[in-house]
Amino acid sequence: MGGGRISGHDEVRNYWTRQWKMIDPTVTPERFVMESDGRIAVHVHQVVRDLEGNVILDGMVEHVYRIEDGLIKSMEIREM
């Protein structure tokens, strides 16, 4: 939501903890695509609600993962 880049377990945990204090997201994977550079793009349907239950976003985005040595090295969220 805030943009930018983070790295490491603690930063990722802190990011998601902050997000869940502000929103209630539901993200449903619909399609997986291997990109030419080896990353995996996951087409997801996301419904984001505020903490009162009002829908503030309902649409598709891509979660793009780079996996190295069996671990997620990076994740990017792209608009579709």
PDB file of N, CA and C in Angstrom:
ATOM      1  N   MET A   1       0.817  -1.204   0.000  1.00  0.00           N
ATOM      2  CA  MET A   1       0.000   0.000   0.000  1.00  0.00           C
ATOM      3  C   MET A   1       0.851   1.254   0.000  1.00  0.00           C
ATOM      4  N   GLY A   2       1.953   1.215   0.695  1.00  0.00           N
ATOM      5  CA  GLY A   2       2.775   2.407   0.767  1.00  0.00           C
ATOM      6  C   GLY A   2       3.836   2.479  -0.305  1.00  0.00           C
ATOM      7  N   GLY A   3       3.962   1.410  -1.100  1.00  0.00           N
ATOM      8  CA  GLY A   3       5.006   1.385  -2.109  1.00  0.00           C
ATOM      9  C   GLY A   3       6.360   1.138  -1.482  1.00  0.00           C
ATOM     10  N   GLY A   4       7.380   1.127  -2.301  1.00  0.00           N
ATOM     11  CA  GLY A   4       8.735   0.954  -1.794  1.00  0.00           C
ATOM     12  C   GLY A   4       9.184  -0.494  -1.808  1.00  0.00           C
ATOM     13  N   ARG A   5      10.294  -0.729  -1.148  1.00  0.00           N
ATOM     14  CA  ARG A   5      10.916  -2.048  -1.149  1.00  0.00           C
ATOM     15  C   ARG A   5      11.370  -2.370   0.271  1.00  0.00           C
ATOM     16  N   ILE A   6      11.150  -3.605   0.672  1.00  0.00           N
ATOM     17  CA  ILE A   6      11.612  -4.052   1.982  1.00  0.00           C
ATOM     18  C   ILE A   6      12.399  -5.342   1.804  1.00  0.00           C
ATOM     19  N   SER A   7      13.128  -5.726   2.838  1.00  0.00           N
ATOM     20  CA  SER A   7      13.973  -6.908   2.757  1.00  0.00           C
ATOM     21  C   SER A   7      14.124  -7.521   4.137  1.00  0.00           C
ATOM     22  N   GLY A   8      14.081  -8.843   4.199  1.00  0.00           N
ATOM     23  CA  GLY A   8      14.306  -9.537   5.464  1.00  0.00           C
ATOM     24  C   GLY A   8      13.016  -9.938   6.157  1.00  0.00           C
ATOM     25  N   HIS A   9      13.133 -10.987   6.969  1.00  0.00           N
ATOM     26  CA  HIS A   9      11.961 -11.526   7.663  1.00  0.00           C
ATOM     27  C   HIS A   9      11.256 -10.495   8.539  1.00  0.00           C
ATOM     28  N   ASP A  10      12.030  -9.763   9.341  1.00  0.00           N
ATOM     29  CA  ASP A  10      11.416  -8.809  10.270  1.00  0.00           C
ATOM     30  C   ASP A  10      10.694  -7.685   9.526  1.00  0.00           C
ATOM     31  N   GLU A  11      11.303  -7.170   8.461  1.00  0.00           N
ATOM     32  CA  GLU A  11      10.661  -6.097   7.707  1.00  0.00           C
ATOM     33  C   GLU A  11       9.388  -6.577   7.028  1.00  0.00           C
ATOM     34  N   VAL A  12       9.414  -7.784   6.475  1.00  0.00           N
ATOM     35  CA  VAL A  12       8.210  -8.332   5.840  1.00  0.00           C
ATOM     36  C   VAL A  12       7.111  -8.523   6.889  1.00  0.00           C
ATOM     37  N   ARG A  13       7.464  -9.100   8.031  1.00  0.00           N
ATOM     38  CA  ARG A  13       6.484  -9.295   9.103  1.00  0.00           C
ATOM     39  C   ARG A  13       5.892  -7.966   9.540  1.00  0.00           C
ATOM     40  N   ASN A  14       6.738  -6.952   9.739  1.00  0.00           N
ATOM     41  CA  ASN A  14       6.255  -5.634  10.164  1.00  0.00           C
ATOM     42  C   ASN A  14       5.348  -5.006   9.123  1.00  0.00           C
ATOM     43  N   TYR A  15       5.691  -5.166   7.832  1.00  0.00           N
ATOM     44  CA  TYR A  15       4.855  -4.628   6.755  1.00  0.00           C
ATOM     45  C   TYR A  15       3.452  -5.216   6.820  1.00  0.00           C
ATOM     46  N   TRP A  16       3.361  -6.553   6.853  1.00  0.00           N
ATOM     47  CA  TRP A  16       2.036  -7.189   6.850  1.00  0.00           C
ATOM     48  C   TRP A  16       1.273  -6.903   8.143  1.00  0.00           C
ATOM     49  N   THR A  17       1.953  -6.822   9.259  1.00  0.00           N
ATOM     50  CA  THR A  17       1.286  -6.487  10.525  1.00  0.00           C
ATOM     51  C   THR A  17       0.659  -5.096  10.440  1.00  0.00           C
ATOM     52  N   ARG A  18       1.390  -4.133   9.876  1.00  0.00           N
ATOM     53  CA  ARG A  18       0.841  -2.777   9.697  1.00  0.00           C
ATOM     54  C   ARG A  18      -0.372  -2.802   8.770  1.00  0.00           C
ATOM     55  N   GLN A  19      -0.274  -3.551   7.658  1.00  0.00           N
ATOM     56  CA  GLN A  19      -1.375  -3.607   6.694  1.00  0.00           C
ATOM     57  C   GLN A  19      -2.642  -4.146   7.348  1.00  0.00           C
ATOM     58  N   TRP A  20      -2.506  -5.226   8.102  1.00  0.00           N
ATOM     59  CA  TRP A  20      -3.681  -5.865   8.687  1.00  0.00           C
ATOM     60  C   TRP A  20      -4.303  -5.036   9.805  1.00  0.00           C
ATOM     61  N   LYS A  21      -3.596  -4.034  10.288  1.00  0.00           N
ATOM     62  CA  LYS A  21      -4.186  -3.109  11.258  1.00  0.00           C
ATOM     63  C   LYS A  21      -5.062  -2.076  10.558  1.00  0.00           C
ATOM     64  N   MET A  22      -4.900  -1.937   9.215  1.00  0.00           N
ATOM     65  CA  MET A  22      -5.635  -0.912   8.468  1.00  0.00           C
ATOM     66  C   MET A  22      -6.685  -1.498   7.526  1.00  0.00           C
ATOM     67  N   ILE A  23      -6.475  -2.721   7.050  1.00  0.00           N
ATOM     68  CA  ILE A  23      -7.357  -3.322   6.046  1.00  0.00           C
ATOM     69  C   ILE A  23      -7.587  -4.794   6.340  1.00  0.00           C
ATOM     70  N   ASP A  24      -8.593  -5.351   5.666  1.00  0.00           N
ATOM     71  CA  ASP A  24      -8.911  -6.777   5.743  1.00  0.00           C
ATOM     72  C   ASP A  24      -8.932  -7.318   4.310  1.00  0.00           C
ATOM     73  N   PRO A  25      -7.774  -7.831   3.828  1.00  0.00           N
ATOM     74  CA  PRO A  25      -7.711  -8.290   2.439  1.00  0.00           C
ATOM     75  C   PRO A  25      -8.041  -9.770   2.291  1.00  0.00           C
ATOM     76  N   THR A  26      -8.660 -10.108   1.160  1.00  0.00           N
ATOM     77  CA  THR A  26      -8.826 -11.500   0.744  1.00  0.00           C
ATOM     78  C   THR A  26      -8.227 -11.598  -0.646  1.00  0.00           C
ATOM     79  N   VAL A  27      -7.249 -12.476  -0.813  1.00  0.00           N
ATOM     80  CA  VAL A  27      -6.539 -12.604  -2.088  1.00  0.00           C
ATOM     81  C   VAL A  27      -6.662 -14.050  -2.554  1.00  0.00           C
ATOM     82  N   THR A  28      -7.244 -14.234  -3.741  1.00  0.00           N
ATOM     83  CA  THR A  28      -7.489 -15.570  -4.278  1.00  0.00           C
ATOM     84  C   THR A  28      -6.681 -15.778  -5.555  1.00  0.00           C
ATOM     85  N   PRO A  29      -5.695 -16.689  -5.537  1.00  0.00           N
ATOM     86  CA  PRO A  29      -4.926 -16.967  -6.761  1.00  0.00           C
ATOM     87  C   PRO A  29      -5.829 -17.578  -7.825  1.00  0.00           C
ATOM     88  N   GLU A  30      -5.680 -17.106  -9.073  1.00  0.00           N
ATOM     89  CA  GLU A  30      -6.492 -17.629 -10.171  1.00  0.00           C
ATOM     90  C   GLU A  30      -5.661 -18.248 -11.283  1.00  0.00           C
ATOM     91  N   ARG A  31      -4.412 -17.813 -11.421  1.00  0.00           N
ATOM     92  CA  ARG A  31      -3.584 -18.304 -12.520  1.00  0.00           C
ATOM     93  C   ARG A  31      -2.108 -18.096 -12.177  1.00  0.00           C
ATOM     94  N   PHE A  32      -1.270 -19.045 -12.582  1.00  0.00           N
ATOM     95  CA  PHE A  32       0.166 -18.955 -12.377  1.00  0.00           C
ATOM     96  C   PHE A  32       0.846 -18.943 -13.746  1.00  0.00           C
ATOM     97  N   VAL A  33       1.785 -17.998 -13.943  1.00  0.00           N
ATOM     98  CA  VAL A  33       2.466 -17.868 -15.227  1.00  0.00           C
ATOM     99  C   VAL A  33       3.971 -17.780 -14.976  1.00  0.00           C
ATOM    100  N   MET A  34       4.742 -18.648 -15.665  1.00  0.00           N
ATOM    101  CA  MET A  34       6.196 -18.567 -15.593  1.00  0.00           C
ATOM    102  C   MET A  34       6.661 -17.496 -16.567  1.00  0.00           C
ATOM    103  N   GLU A  35       7.389 -16.495 -16.067  1.00  0.00           N
ATOM    104  CA  GLU A  35       7.878 -15.427 -16.923  1.00  0.00           C
ATOM    105  C   GLU A  35       9.216 -15.813 -17.542  1.00  0.00           C
ATOM    106  N   SER A  36       9.601 -15.130 -18.609  1.00  0.00           N
ATOM    107  CA  SER A  36      10.813 -15.484 -19.343  1.00  0.00           C
ATOM    108  C   SER A  36      12.078 -15.362 -18.492  1.00  0.00           C
ATOM    109  N   ASP A  37      12.046 -14.519 -17.453  1.00  0.00           N
ATOM    110  CA  ASP A  37      13.217 -14.360 -16.585  1.00  0.00           C
ATOM    111  C   ASP A  37      13.209 -15.327 -15.401  1.00  0.00           C
ATOM    112  N   GLY A  38      12.245 -16.277 -15.392  1.00  0.00           N
ATOM    113  CA  GLY A  38      12.191 -17.282 -14.331  1.00  0.00           C
ATOM    114  C   GLY A  38      11.300 -16.930 -13.156  1.00  0.00           C
ATOM    115  N   ARG A  39      10.811 -15.688 -13.111  1.00  0.00           N
ATOM    116  CA  ARG A  39       9.905 -15.332 -12.021  1.00  0.00           C
ATOM    117  C   ARG A  39       8.539 -15.962 -12.266  1.00  0.00           C
ATOM    118  N   ILE A  40       7.767 -16.106 -11.198  1.00  0.00           N
ATOM    119  CA  ILE A  40       6.424 -16.655 -11.286  1.00  0.00           C
ATOM    120  C   ILE A  40       5.433 -15.529 -11.010  1.00  0.00           C
ATOM    121  N   ALA A  41       4.535 -15.290 -11.973  1.00  0.00           N
ATOM    122  CA  ALA A  41       3.494 -14.275 -11.808  1.00  0.00           C
ATOM    123  C   ALA A  41       2.202 -14.984 -11.428  1.00  0.00           C
ATOM    124  N   VAL A  42       1.630 -14.578 -10.315  1.00  0.00           N
ATOM    125  CA  VAL A  42       0.378 -15.149  -9.842  1.00  0.00           C
ATOM    126  C   VAL A  42      -0.708 -14.101 -10.041  1.00  0.00           C
ATOM    127  N   HIS A  43      -1.677 -14.404 -10.903  1.00  0.00           N
ATOM    128  CA  HIS A  43      -2.806 -13.501 -11.118  1.00  0.00           C
ATOM    129  C   HIS A  43      -3.779 -13.747  -9.965  1.00  0.00           C
ATOM    130  N   VAL A  44      -4.059 -12.705  -9.202  1.00  0.00           N
ATOM    131  CA  VAL A  44      -4.908 -12.872  -8.030  1.00  0.00           C
ATOM    132  C   VAL A  44      -6.087 -11.900  -8.073  1.00  0.00           C
ATOM    133  N   HIS A  45      -7.211 -12.379  -7.587  1.00  0.00           N
ATOM    134  CA  HIS A  45      -8.376 -11.525  -7.379  1.00  0.00           C
ATOM    135  C   HIS A  45      -8.310 -11.077  -5.929  1.00  0.00           C
ATOM    136  N   GLN A  46      -8.293  -9.775  -5.726  1.00  0.00           N
ATOM    137  CA  GLN A  46      -8.230  -9.282  -4.352  1.00  0.00           C
ATOM    138  C   GLN A  46      -9.447  -8.429  -4.030  1.00  0.00           C
ATOM    139  N   VAL A  47      -9.958  -8.673  -2.860  1.00  0.00           N
ATOM    140  CA  VAL A  47     -11.030  -7.853  -2.303  1.00  0.00           C
ATOM    141  C   VAL A  47     -10.477  -7.293  -1.001  1.00  0.00           C
ATOM    142  N   VAL A  48     -10.414  -5.971  -0.931  1.00  0.00           N
ATOM    143  CA  VAL A  48      -9.864  -5.307   0.246  1.00  0.00           C
ATOM    144  C   VAL A  48     -10.997  -4.546   0.916  1.00  0.00           C
ATOM    145  N   ARG A  49     -11.147  -4.813   2.203  1.00  0.00           N
ATOM    146  CA  ARG A  49     -12.176  -4.138   3.000  1.00  0.00           C
ATOM    147  C   ARG A  49     -11.505  -3.295   4.077  1.00  0.00           C
ATOM    148  N   ASP A  50     -12.178  -2.214   4.453  1.00  0.00           N
ATOM    149  CA  ASP A  50     -11.700  -1.495   5.625  1.00  0.00           C
ATOM    150  C   ASP A  50     -12.106  -2.298   6.854  1.00  0.00           C
ATOM    151  N   LEU A  51     -11.711  -1.834   8.012  1.00  0.00           N
ATOM    152  CA  LEU A  51     -11.963  -2.622   9.227  1.00  0.00           C
ATOM    153  C   LEU A  51     -13.432  -2.643   9.636  1.00  0.00           C
ATOM    154  N   GLU A  52     -14.270  -1.829   8.976  1.00  0.00           N
ATOM    155  CA  GLU A  52     -15.714  -1.867   9.214  1.00  0.00           C
ATOM    156  C   GLU A  52     -16.405  -2.809   8.230  1.00  0.00           C
ATOM    157  N   GLY A  53     -15.659  -3.383   7.291  1.00  0.00           N
ATOM    158  CA  GLY A  53     -16.233  -4.337   6.339  1.00  0.00           C
ATOM    159  C   GLY A  53     -16.622  -3.746   4.996  1.00  0.00           C
ATOM    160  N   ASN A  54     -16.393  -2.458   4.794  1.00  0.00           N
ATOM    161  CA  ASN A  54     -16.723  -1.812   3.520  1.00  0.00           C
ATOM    162  C   ASN A  54     -15.675  -2.155   2.462  1.00  0.00           C
ATOM    163  N   VAL A  55     -16.110  -2.543   1.271  1.00  0.00           N
ATOM    164  CA  VAL A  55     -15.183  -2.866   0.188  1.00  0.00           C
ATOM    165  C   VAL A  55     -14.565  -1.572  -0.327  1.00  0.00           C
ATOM    166  N   ILE A  56     -13.228  -1.524  -0.322  1.00  0.00           N
ATOM    167  CA  ILE A  56     -12.530  -0.349  -0.841  1.00  0.00           C
ATOM    168  C   ILE A  56     -11.777  -0.674  -2.136  1.00  0.00           C
ATOM    169  N   LEU A  57     -11.634  -1.963  -2.447  1.00  0.00           N
ATOM    170  CA  LEU A  57     -10.981  -2.374  -3.684  1.00  0.00           C
ATOM    171  C   LEU A  57     -11.424  -3.786  -4.026  1.00  0.00           C
ATOM    172  N   ASP A  58     -11.775  -4.004  -5.285  1.00  0.00           N
ATOM    173  CA  ASP A  58     -12.162  -5.328  -5.766  1.00  0.00           C
ATOM    174  C   ASP A  58     -11.634  -5.437  -7.186  1.00  0.00           C
ATOM    175  N   GLY A  59     -10.559  -6.187  -7.377  1.00  0.00           N
ATOM    176  CA  GLY A  59      -9.977  -6.265  -8.705  1.00  0.00           C
ATOM    177  C   GLY A  59      -8.850  -7.275  -8.790  1.00  0.00           C
ATOM    178  N   MET A  60      -8.187  -7.274  -9.930  1.00  0.00           N
ATOM    179  CA  MET A  60      -7.096  -8.196 -10.209  1.00  0.00           C
ATOM    180  C   MET A  60      -5.754  -7.481 -10.102  1.00  0.00           C
ATOM    181  N   VAL A  61      -4.767  -8.180  -9.564  1.00  0.00           N
ATOM    182  CA  VAL A  61      -3.375  -7.744  -9.548  1.00  0.00           C
ATOM    183  C   VAL A  61      -2.503  -8.964  -9.780  1.00  0.00           C
ATOM    184  N   GLU A  62      -1.222  -8.726  -9.992  1.00  0.00           N
ATOM    185  CA  GLU A  62      -0.254  -9.819 -10.096  1.00  0.00           C
ATOM    186  C   GLU A  62       0.701  -9.749  -8.917  1.00  0.00           C
ATOM    187  N   HIS A  63       0.944 -10.885  -8.302  1.00  0.00           N
ATOM    188  CA  HIS A  63       2.019 -11.027  -7.325  1.00  0.00           C
ATOM    189  C   HIS A  63       3.126 -11.760  -8.061  1.00  0.00           C
ATOM    190  N   VAL A  64       4.288 -11.143  -8.171  1.00  0.00           N
ATOM    191  CA  VAL A  64       5.381 -11.704  -8.960  1.00  0.00           C
ATOM    192  C   VAL A  64       6.514 -12.090  -8.015  1.00  0.00           C
ATOM    193  N   TYR A  65       6.881 -13.380  -8.042  1.00  0.00           N
ATOM    194  CA  TYR A  65       7.869 -13.925  -7.119  1.00  0.00           C
ATOM    195  C   TYR A  65       9.130 -14.364  -7.844  1.00  0.00           C
ATOM    196  N   ARG A  66      10.272 -14.090  -7.222  1.00  0.00           N
ATOM    197  CA  ARG A  66      11.543 -14.656  -7.651  1.00  0.00           C
ATOM    198  C   ARG A  66      11.938 -15.643  -6.549  1.00  0.00           C
ATOM    199  N   ILE A  67      12.133 -16.886  -6.933  1.00  0.00           N
ATOM    200  CA  ILE A  67      12.480 -17.935  -5.974  1.00  0.00           C
ATOM    201  C   ILE A  67      13.891 -18.408  -6.265  1.00  0.00           C
ATOM    202  N   GLU A  68      14.734 -18.430  -5.225  1.00  0.00           N
ATOM    203  CA  GLU A  68      16.111 -18.903  -5.339  1.00  0.00           C
ATOM    204  C   GLU A  68      16.401 -19.843  -4.184  1.00  0.00           C
ATOM    205  N   ASP A  69      16.993 -20.974  -4.505  1.00  0.00           N
ATOM    206  CA  ASP A  69      17.347 -21.976  -3.486  1.00  0.00           C
ATOM    207  C   ASP A  69      16.147 -22.355  -2.624  1.00  0.00           C
ATOM    208  N   GLY A  70      14.960 -22.418  -3.247  1.00  0.00           N
ATOM    209  CA  GLY A  70      13.757 -22.829  -2.546  1.00  0.00           C
ATOM    210  C   GLY A  70      13.144 -21.768  -1.652  1.00  0.00           C
ATOM    211  N   LEU A  71      13.671 -20.544  -1.681  1.00  0.00           N
ATOM    212  CA  LEU A  71      13.156 -19.460  -0.844  1.00  0.00           C
ATOM    213  C   LEU A  71      12.705 -18.302  -1.718  1.00  0.00           C
ATOM    214  N   ILE A  72      11.701 -17.568  -1.250  1.00  0.00           N
ATOM    215  CA  ILE A  72      11.258 -16.371  -1.969  1.00  0.00           C
ATOM    216  C   ILE A  72      12.322 -15.297  -1.786  1.00  0.00           C
ATOM    217  N   LYS A  73      12.912 -14.887  -2.884  1.00  0.00           N
ATOM    218  CA  LYS A  73      13.946 -13.859  -2.874  1.00  0.00           C
ATOM    219  C   LYS A  73      13.330 -12.470  -2.980  1.00  0.00           C
ATOM    220  N   SER A  74      12.252 -12.344  -3.778  1.00  0.00           N
ATOM    221  CA  SER A  74      11.582 -11.057  -3.903  1.00  0.00           C
ATOM    222  C   SER A  74      10.133 -11.274  -4.303  1.00  0.00           C
ATOM    223  N   MET A  75       9.317 -10.272  -4.012  1.00  0.00           N
ATOM    224  CA  MET A  75       7.912 -10.253  -4.415  1.00  0.00           C
ATOM    225  C   MET A  75       7.582  -8.837  -4.860  1.00  0.00           C
ATOM    226  N   GLU A  76       6.908  -8.754  -5.964  1.00  0.00           N
ATOM    227  CA  GLU A  76       6.482  -7.468  -6.523  1.00  0.00           C
ATOM    228  C   GLU A  76       4.974  -7.547  -6.750  1.00  0.00           C
ATOM    229  N   ILE A  77       4.272  -6.466  -6.527  1.00  0.00           N
ATOM    230  CA  ILE A  77       2.841  -6.415  -6.840  1.00  0.00           C
ATOM    231  C   ILE A  77       2.672  -5.498  -8.041  1.00  0.00           C
ATOM    232  N   ARG A  78       2.048  -6.026  -9.093  1.00  0.00           N
ATOM    233  CA  ARG A  78       1.834  -5.249 -10.319  1.00  0.00           C
ATOM    234  C   ARG A  78       0.348  -5.109 -10.584  1.00  0.00           C
ATOM    235  N   GLU A  79      -0.022  -3.930 -11.050  1.00  0.00           N
ATOM    236  CA  GLU A  79      -1.396  -3.698 -11.493  1.00  0.00           C
ATOM    237  C   GLU A  79      -1.624  -4.467 -12.783  1.00  0.00           C
ATOM    238  N   MET A  80      -2.854  -4.879 -13.022  1.00  0.00           N
ATOM    239  CA  MET A  80      -3.186  -5.583 -14.272  1.00  0.00           C
ATOM    240  C   MET A  80      -4.098  -4.705 -15.106  1.00  0.00           C
TER     241      MET A  80
END
